[in-house]
Amino acid sequence: MSSAADSAVPRALVYDAPGEPLEALSLRELPALTAPGPGQVQLRYLSSPINPSDINTVQGKYPIMPKLPGGVPGHEGVAEVTAVGPQVTGLSVGDWVVPLAPAQGTWRTAGTYAAADWHAVPRDIGLAAAATIVINPPTALAMLEIFVALQPGDTVAQNGATSAVGEAVIQIARARGIKTINVIRERPDMDAAVARLKGLGADLVTTEHKLKEDLKASGLPAPKLGFNCVGGSAAQAVTSVLADGGTLVTYGGMAMQPVTAGTAAMIFKDISFRGFWLTGRWAAAQGPEGRRKALDAIVALYRSGALTPPPLAPFPLATADDPEAWKRAFERVAAPHRGAKVVFDMRGGAEA
């Protein structure tokens, strides 16, 4: 366990102007940490993911970003409390904590923060769950709850089903007796991908081009709710199978293509199109206590076994042999069908 006397100089990935991560970021030493003041905690990071919103932040395409120059990206991660300042209640040295507020700058080894912006999570859920608990599982949970009043036996359809959000949707829906129709891209390891999603509780796994045929053969009812994180034709495919009066919720745009729909879907089926933004509109509506409750609900799902964390691909920020090891993480992020959540491992690259 670290202490306030930890002499290691903190380091972080920093950028001064928006750009592509490999060009804009550099690994820099930060000022030495001092004792936390009133209402503050000192943290040592354990693991911090690379999410699409993080990359968009560095590119200057995300509405929430750190102050530049000298900004540290990272909206998510898990850290250990190493020191507690006066007037802090509810957090103690040794606690694992995750951010309640975005843009905390989690791509660093250590830092000092307002205690009110952090929430304790139990160690027994494991490092992989704790590191990835803030963005993807709450997105899945909220989207399943706030748009359509789903009942056991209902179905939802989604593209991007192998994403971390997609896998969380499958598992949370299964726990609630809701069926899932999951669209994925063709890939070399197609059988393995299908088997993984089936193992998580997916009822139907198919491709964009076989969706209608496979859905008809499955006997599942038309979905009332659809989730889109891809855009383009993948969004149109999900829209095409929605039930009359169904709703398509867009929460991402991996294909960088607009969401389009056939005129008939809107006129004859009265399909609704909604958007979901966890760290902005949802977080503001929930307030700190609502966000804490959502995280506690996710913890309960992990502890019950209803939810399992995604596999991680950990990368250190730097090693003695590779001072730019962090760049390998972005190379992995850019790889197609990477099969794991890429994270910075601040413990030195140990197995997560």
Protein backbone atom coordinates (compact mmCIF):
# COMPACT_ATOMS: atom_id res chain seq x y z
CA MET A 1 0.00 0.00 0.00
CA SER A 2 1.32 3.46 -0.86
CA SER A 3 1.47 6.29 1.63
CA ALA A 4 1.67 10.08 1.56
CA ALA A 5 5.42 9.71 1.78
CA ASP A 6 5.59 7.98 -1.62
CA SER A 7 8.62 9.59 -3.25
CA ALA A 8 7.87 8.61 -6.84
CA VAL A 9 7.51 11.58 -9.17
CA PRO A 10 4.09 11.38 -10.83
CA ARG A 11 3.96 11.10 -14.62
CA ALA A 12 1.15 11.60 -17.07
CA LEU A 13 0.27 11.63 -20.72
CA VAL A 14 -0.14 15.32 -21.52
CA TYR A 15 -1.17 17.34 -24.56
CA ASP A 16 -1.04 21.04 -25.32
CA ALA A 17 -3.24 21.24 -28.41
CA PRO A 18 -5.80 18.89 -29.98
CA GLY A 19 -4.54 16.26 -32.41
CA GLU A 20 -4.21 12.56 -33.02
CA PRO A 21 -3.08 10.82 -29.81
CA LEU A 22 0.24 9.50 -31.14
CA GLU A 23 1.13 12.99 -32.33
CA ALA A 24 -0.39 15.18 -29.64
CA LEU A 25 0.48 13.23 -26.48
CA SER A 26 3.78 13.02 -24.64
CA LEU A 27 4.73 11.35 -21.36
CA ARG A 28 5.88 14.00 -18.89
CA GLU A 29 6.85 14.27 -15.25
CA LEU A 30 4.45 16.27 -13.10
CA PRO A 31 5.20 18.42 -10.04
CA ALA A 32 5.84 16.39 -6.90
CA LEU A 33 2.73 15.74 -4.84
CA THR A 34 2.20 17.60 -1.59
CA ALA A 35 -0.05 16.67 1.32
CA PRO A 36 -3.73 16.94 0.39
CA GLY A 37 -5.57 19.99 1.68
CA PRO A 38 -9.04 20.23 3.21
CA GLY A 39 -11.55 18.13 1.28
CA GLN A 40 -8.85 16.53 -0.86
CA VAL A 41 -7.47 13.04 -1.37
CA GLN A 42 -4.21 11.86 -2.89
CA LEU A 43 -4.51 8.97 -5.31
CA ARG A 44 -2.22 6.38 -6.89
CA TYR A 45 -3.64 5.08 -10.14
CA LEU A 46 -3.92 1.36 -10.78
CA SER A 47 -5.58 1.06 -14.19
CA SER A 48 -7.10 3.56 -16.65
CA PRO A 49 -8.93 2.57 -19.86
CA ILE A 50 -8.74 4.13 -23.29
CA ASN A 51 -12.33 4.84 -24.32
CA PRO A 52 -13.57 6.34 -27.60
CA SER A 53 -14.51 9.50 -25.67
CA ASP A 54 -10.90 9.80 -24.49
CA ILE A 55 -9.58 9.68 -28.05
CA ASN A 56 -12.22 12.21 -29.13
CA THR A 57 -11.13 14.42 -26.24
CA VAL A 58 -7.51 14.45 -27.41
CA GLN A 59 -8.71 15.14 -30.96
CA GLY A 60 -10.71 18.13 -29.74
CA LYS A 61 -14.02 16.54 -30.78
CA TYR A 62 -15.54 15.94 -27.34
CA PRO A 63 -17.57 18.59 -25.48
CA ILE A 64 -15.80 17.95 -22.16
CA MET A 65 -12.02 18.33 -22.11
CA PRO A 66 -9.20 19.39 -19.80
CA LYS A 67 -7.78 22.89 -19.81
CA LEU A 68 -5.02 23.36 -22.38
CA PRO A 69 -2.07 23.58 -22.64
CA GLY A 70 -0.90 20.89 -20.28
CA GLY A 71 -4.10 18.85 -20.24
CA VAL A 72 -4.18 15.26 -19.02
CA PRO A 73 -6.84 13.10 -20.75
CA GLY A 74 -8.74 10.21 -19.23
CA HIS A 75 -12.36 10.09 -18.06
CA GLU A 76 -12.23 6.70 -16.30
CA GLY A 77 -9.98 4.58 -14.12
CA VAL A 78 -9.48 3.12 -10.67
CA ALA A 79 -7.07 4.50 -8.12
CA GLU A 80 -6.02 3.78 -4.54
CA VAL A 81 -6.29 6.45 -1.86
CA THR A 82 -2.80 7.11 -0.48
CA ALA A 83 -3.53 10.13 1.72
CA VAL A 84 -6.61 11.93 3.03
CA GLY A 85 -6.83 15.62 3.85
CA PRO A 86 -8.79 17.31 6.65
CA GLN A 87 -12.59 17.40 6.42
CA VAL A 88 -12.79 14.28 4.25
CA THR A 89 -15.39 11.72 5.27
CA GLY A 90 -16.29 8.43 3.66
CA LEU A 91 -12.86 7.75 2.13
CA SER A 92 -9.81 6.23 3.81
CA VAL A 93 -6.25 5.35 2.89
CA GLY A 94 -6.27 2.07 0.97
CA ASP A 95 -9.73 2.52 -0.54
CA TRP A 96 -10.22 1.90 -4.24
CA VAL A 97 -12.01 4.84 -5.86
CA VAL A 98 -13.40 5.74 -9.28
CA PRO A 99 -14.29 9.18 -10.66
CA LEU A 100 -17.80 10.58 -10.33
CA ALA A 101 -17.00 13.53 -12.59
CA PRO A 102 -15.52 13.41 -16.12
CA ALA A 103 -12.19 14.85 -17.27
CA GLN A 104 -10.34 14.02 -14.05
CA GLY A 105 -7.20 13.27 -16.07
CA THR A 106 -6.83 9.58 -15.29
CA TRP A 107 -3.93 8.88 -17.66
CA ARG A 108 -1.39 9.53 -14.93
CA THR A 109 0.33 7.66 -12.13
CA ALA A 110 -0.83 9.82 -9.20
CA GLY A 111 -2.64 13.04 -8.35
CA THR A 112 -4.50 15.09 -5.77
CA TYR A 113 -8.23 15.66 -6.17
CA ALA A 114 -11.42 16.88 -4.53
CA ALA A 115 -12.72 13.92 -2.53
CA ALA A 116 -16.30 14.74 -3.54
CA ASP A 117 -15.49 13.79 -7.14
CA TRP A 118 -14.58 10.18 -6.23
CA HIS A 119 -16.57 7.13 -5.19
CA ALA A 120 -15.31 4.09 -3.30
CA VAL A 121 -15.74 0.66 -4.87
CA PRO A 122 -15.05 -2.65 -3.13
CA ARG A 123 -11.87 -4.52 -4.00
CA ASP A 124 -13.74 -7.81 -4.22
CA ILE A 125 -15.17 -6.95 -7.64
CA GLY A 126 -11.63 -7.12 -9.03
CA LEU A 127 -9.39 -4.69 -10.87
CA ALA A 128 -10.91 -5.24 -14.33
CA ALA A 129 -14.42 -4.44 -13.08
CA ALA A 130 -13.31 -1.44 -11.04
CA ALA A 131 -11.25 0.07 -13.84
CA THR A 132 -14.14 -0.09 -16.31
CA ILE A 133 -17.16 0.52 -14.09
CA VAL A 134 -17.74 4.23 -14.69
CA ILE A 135 -18.76 4.48 -18.36
CA ASN A 136 -19.84 1.30 -20.11
CA PRO A 137 -21.97 -0.62 -17.54
CA PRO A 138 -23.91 2.50 -16.43
CA THR A 139 -24.55 3.30 -20.10
CA ALA A 140 -26.05 -0.15 -20.64
CA LEU A 141 -28.10 0.00 -17.45
CA ALA A 142 -29.47 3.49 -18.11
CA MET A 143 -30.40 2.78 -21.73
CA LEU A 144 -32.29 -0.35 -20.69
CA GLU A 145 -34.25 1.63 -18.09
CA ILE A 146 -35.08 5.13 -19.29
CA PHE A 147 -36.35 4.90 -22.88
CA VAL A 148 -38.85 2.03 -22.96
CA ALA A 149 -40.65 0.25 -20.11
CA LEU A 150 -39.32 -3.22 -20.88
CA GLN A 151 -40.88 -6.34 -19.40
CA PRO A 152 -39.52 -9.90 -19.13
CA GLY A 153 -39.89 -11.54 -22.52
CA ASP A 154 -39.39 -8.30 -24.46
CA THR A 155 -36.47 -8.00 -26.85
CA VAL A 156 -33.87 -5.36 -27.60
CA ALA A 157 -31.62 -5.23 -30.66
CA GLN A 158 -28.16 -3.72 -30.86
CA ASN A 159 -25.20 -3.32 -33.16
CA GLY A 160 -21.66 -3.20 -31.82
CA ALA A 161 -22.57 -6.15 -29.61
CA THR A 162 -18.94 -7.14 -28.96
CA SER A 163 -18.21 -3.71 -27.46
CA ALA A 164 -18.02 -3.34 -23.69
CA VAL A 165 -21.41 -1.63 -23.65
CA GLY A 166 -22.85 -4.32 -25.90
CA GLU A 167 -21.66 -7.10 -23.64
CA ALA A 168 -23.05 -5.30 -20.58
CA VAL A 169 -26.42 -4.89 -22.33
CA ILE A 170 -26.54 -8.63 -22.97
CA GLN A 171 -25.82 -9.52 -19.36
CA ILE A 172 -28.04 -6.95 -17.67
CA ALA A 173 -30.90 -7.79 -20.04
CA ARG A 174 -30.49 -11.50 -19.33
CA ALA A 175 -30.69 -10.84 -15.59
CA ARG A 176 -34.02 -9.08 -16.19
CA GLY A 177 -35.51 -11.72 -18.49
CA ILE A 178 -35.11 -9.51 -21.58
CA LYS A 179 -34.00 -11.12 -24.85
CA THR A 180 -31.21 -9.62 -26.97
CA ILE A 181 -30.66 -9.56 -30.72
CA ASN A 182 -27.00 -8.80 -31.36
CA VAL A 183 -25.49 -7.59 -34.62
CA ILE A 184 -21.73 -7.94 -35.12
CA ARG A 185 -19.36 -7.48 -38.04
CA GLU A 186 -17.92 -10.37 -39.99
CA ARG A 187 -14.47 -11.27 -38.62
CA PRO A 188 -11.87 -14.02 -38.86
CA ASP A 189 -12.79 -15.36 -35.40
CA MET A 190 -16.54 -15.26 -36.01
CA ASP A 191 -17.27 -18.55 -34.27
CA ALA A 192 -15.35 -17.50 -31.17
CA ALA A 193 -17.09 -14.11 -31.05
CA VAL A 194 -20.52 -15.73 -31.35
CA ALA A 195 -19.65 -18.27 -28.66
CA ARG A 196 -18.48 -15.54 -26.29
CA LEU A 197 -21.69 -13.52 -26.68
CA LYS A 198 -23.83 -16.63 -26.34
CA GLY A 199 -21.93 -17.48 -23.17
CA LEU A 200 -22.83 -14.06 -21.78
CA GLY A 201 -26.51 -14.72 -22.45
CA ALA A 202 -27.12 -13.46 -26.01
CA ASP A 203 -30.25 -14.96 -27.55
CA LEU A 204 -29.38 -14.22 -31.18
CA VAL A 205 -26.04 -13.23 -32.68
CA THR A 206 -26.05 -12.34 -36.36
CA THR A 207 -24.69 -9.95 -38.95
CA GLU A 208 -26.19 -6.89 -40.55
CA HIS A 209 -26.97 -8.74 -43.77
CA LYS A 210 -28.53 -11.80 -42.11
CA LEU A 211 -30.42 -9.95 -39.38
CA LYS A 212 -33.94 -10.11 -40.83
CA GLU A 213 -33.63 -13.73 -41.90
CA ASP A 214 -32.15 -14.91 -38.61
CA LEU A 215 -34.62 -12.93 -36.52
CA LYS A 216 -37.55 -14.49 -38.39
CA ALA A 217 -36.11 -17.97 -37.88
CA SER A 218 -35.47 -17.34 -34.17
CA GLY A 219 -39.11 -16.85 -33.27
CA LEU A 220 -38.21 -13.83 -31.11
CA PRO A 221 -40.67 -10.94 -31.13
CA ALA A 222 -39.74 -7.70 -32.89
CA PRO A 223 -37.69 -5.54 -30.53
CA LYS A 224 -39.24 -2.49 -28.91
CA LEU A 225 -35.84 -0.91 -28.34
CA GLY A 226 -32.64 -0.72 -30.37
CA PHE A 227 -29.15 0.51 -29.50
CA ASN A 228 -26.76 1.98 -32.04
CA CYS A 229 -23.08 2.71 -31.49
CA VAL A 230 -21.95 2.33 -35.11
CA GLY A 231 -24.07 4.48 -37.44
CA GLY A 232 -24.54 4.17 -41.18
CA SER A 233 -26.02 0.95 -42.53
CA ALA A 234 -25.58 -0.80 -39.16
CA ALA A 235 -27.99 1.70 -37.58
CA GLN A 236 -30.38 1.26 -40.47
CA ALA A 237 -30.31 -2.52 -40.01
CA VAL A 238 -31.37 -2.29 -36.37
CA THR A 239 -34.04 0.28 -37.22
CA SER A 240 -35.46 -2.02 -39.90
CA VAL A 241 -36.41 -4.74 -37.40
CA LEU A 242 -37.90 -2.56 -34.66
CA ALA A 243 -41.53 -3.09 -33.76
CA ASP A 244 -44.16 -0.47 -34.52
CA GLY A 245 -43.57 2.49 -32.24
CA GLY A 246 -40.07 1.24 -31.42
CA THR A 247 -37.18 3.44 -30.35
CA LEU A 248 -33.61 3.58 -31.65
CA VAL A 249 -31.10 5.02 -29.17
CA THR A 250 -27.75 6.20 -30.52
CA TYR A 251 -24.88 6.40 -28.05
CA GLY A 252 -21.86 6.20 -30.35
CA GLY A 253 -20.72 6.54 -33.94
CA MET A 254 -17.80 4.18 -34.56
CA ALA A 255 -18.31 4.14 -38.33
CA MET A 256 -18.22 7.95 -38.44
CA GLN A 257 -21.34 7.83 -40.63
CA PRO A 258 -24.70 9.53 -40.04
CA VAL A 259 -27.70 7.68 -38.69
CA THR A 260 -30.15 7.20 -41.54
CA ALA A 261 -33.50 5.45 -41.72
CA GLY A 262 -35.95 4.57 -44.43
CA THR A 263 -38.92 6.87 -44.81
CA ALA A 264 -41.27 3.92 -44.35
CA ALA A 265 -39.84 3.20 -40.89
CA MET A 266 -40.78 6.67 -39.75
CA ILE A 267 -44.13 7.00 -41.49
CA PHE A 268 -45.59 3.52 -41.23
CA LYS A 269 -43.86 2.27 -38.06
CA ASP A 270 -43.55 5.59 -36.19
CA ILE A 271 -40.00 4.80 -35.07
CA SER A 272 -38.50 7.28 -32.57
CA PHE A 273 -34.85 8.31 -32.65
CA ARG A 274 -33.16 9.29 -29.40
CA GLY A 275 -29.64 9.98 -28.22
CA PHE A 276 -27.82 9.07 -25.01
CA TRP A 277 -24.77 10.80 -23.50
CA LEU A 278 -23.72 9.39 -20.14
CA THR A 279 -21.07 11.91 -19.05
CA GLY A 280 -23.09 14.93 -20.13
CA ARG A 281 -26.88 15.04 -20.10
CA TRP A 282 -27.45 11.86 -18.07
CA ALA A 283 -24.83 12.71 -15.45
CA ALA A 284 -26.19 16.23 -15.04
CA ALA A 285 -29.74 14.93 -14.63
CA GLN A 286 -28.67 12.34 -12.05
CA GLY A 287 -26.46 14.58 -9.94
CA PRO A 288 -23.71 13.13 -7.73
CA GLU A 289 -26.06 10.98 -5.65
CA GLY A 290 -27.76 9.50 -8.70
CA ARG A 291 -24.38 8.65 -10.20
CA ARG A 292 -23.32 7.01 -6.92
CA LYS A 293 -26.50 4.91 -6.88
CA ALA A 294 -25.87 3.78 -10.46
CA LEU A 295 -22.32 2.70 -9.61
CA ASP A 296 -23.56 0.85 -6.52
CA ALA A 297 -26.14 -0.93 -8.68
CA ILE A 298 -23.37 -2.06 -11.03
CA VAL A 299 -21.30 -3.27 -8.07
CA ALA A 300 -24.30 -5.35 -6.96
CA LEU A 301 -24.52 -6.91 -10.44
CA TYR A 302 -20.83 -7.84 -10.32
CA ARG A 303 -21.15 -9.32 -6.84
CA SER A 304 -24.20 -11.37 -7.81
CA GLY A 305 -22.42 -12.81 -10.83
CA ALA A 306 -24.98 -11.29 -13.23
CA LEU A 307 -22.25 -9.14 -14.78
CA THR A 308 -18.66 -9.96 -15.67
CA PRO A 309 -16.01 -7.40 -16.66
CA PRO A 310 -14.50 -7.29 -20.12
CA PRO A 311 -11.09 -8.89 -20.69
CA LEU A 312 -8.31 -6.33 -20.43
CA ALA A 313 -5.27 -5.67 -22.60
CA PRO A 314 -2.93 -3.85 -20.18
CA PHE A 315 -0.06 -1.61 -21.29
CA PRO A 316 2.39 0.32 -19.10
CA LEU A 317 3.03 3.99 -19.71
CA ALA A 318 6.75 3.26 -20.01
CA THR A 319 9.32 0.60 -19.24
CA ALA A 320 13.09 0.64 -19.02
CA ASP A 321 13.29 -1.02 -22.43
CA ASP A 322 10.48 0.95 -24.00
CA PRO A 323 10.10 4.56 -22.75
CA GLU A 324 7.21 5.04 -25.18
CA ALA A 325 5.32 1.86 -24.27
CA TRP A 326 2.12 3.90 -24.06
CA LYS A 327 2.15 4.15 -27.86
CA ARG A 328 1.67 0.37 -28.10
CA ALA A 329 -1.66 0.82 -26.34
CA PHE A 330 -2.93 3.09 -29.11
CA GLU A 331 -1.66 0.68 -31.73
CA ARG A 332 -3.78 -2.02 -30.06
CA VAL A 333 -6.79 0.31 -29.94
CA ALA A 334 -6.48 0.87 -33.69
CA ALA A 335 -6.41 -2.88 -34.43
CA PRO A 336 -9.65 -4.38 -35.76
CA HIS A 337 -11.52 -6.83 -33.52
CA ARG A 338 -9.06 -6.31 -30.65
CA GLY A 339 -11.08 -8.57 -28.33
CA ALA A 340 -10.18 -6.78 -25.10
CA LYS A 341 -10.46 -3.41 -23.38
CA VAL A 342 -7.16 -1.56 -23.72
CA VAL A 343 -6.01 -0.02 -20.43
CA PHE A 344 -2.97 1.73 -19.07
CA ASP A 345 -1.59 -0.38 -16.24
CA MET A 346 0.00 2.03 -13.78
CA ARG A 347 1.39 -0.83 -11.70
CA GLY A 348 4.10 -1.44 -14.27
CA GLY A 349 2.33 -3.66 -16.80
CA ALA A 350 1.53 -6.53 -14.45
CA GLU A 351 -1.24 -8.84 -15.54
CA ALA A 352 -4.61 -7.22 -14.80
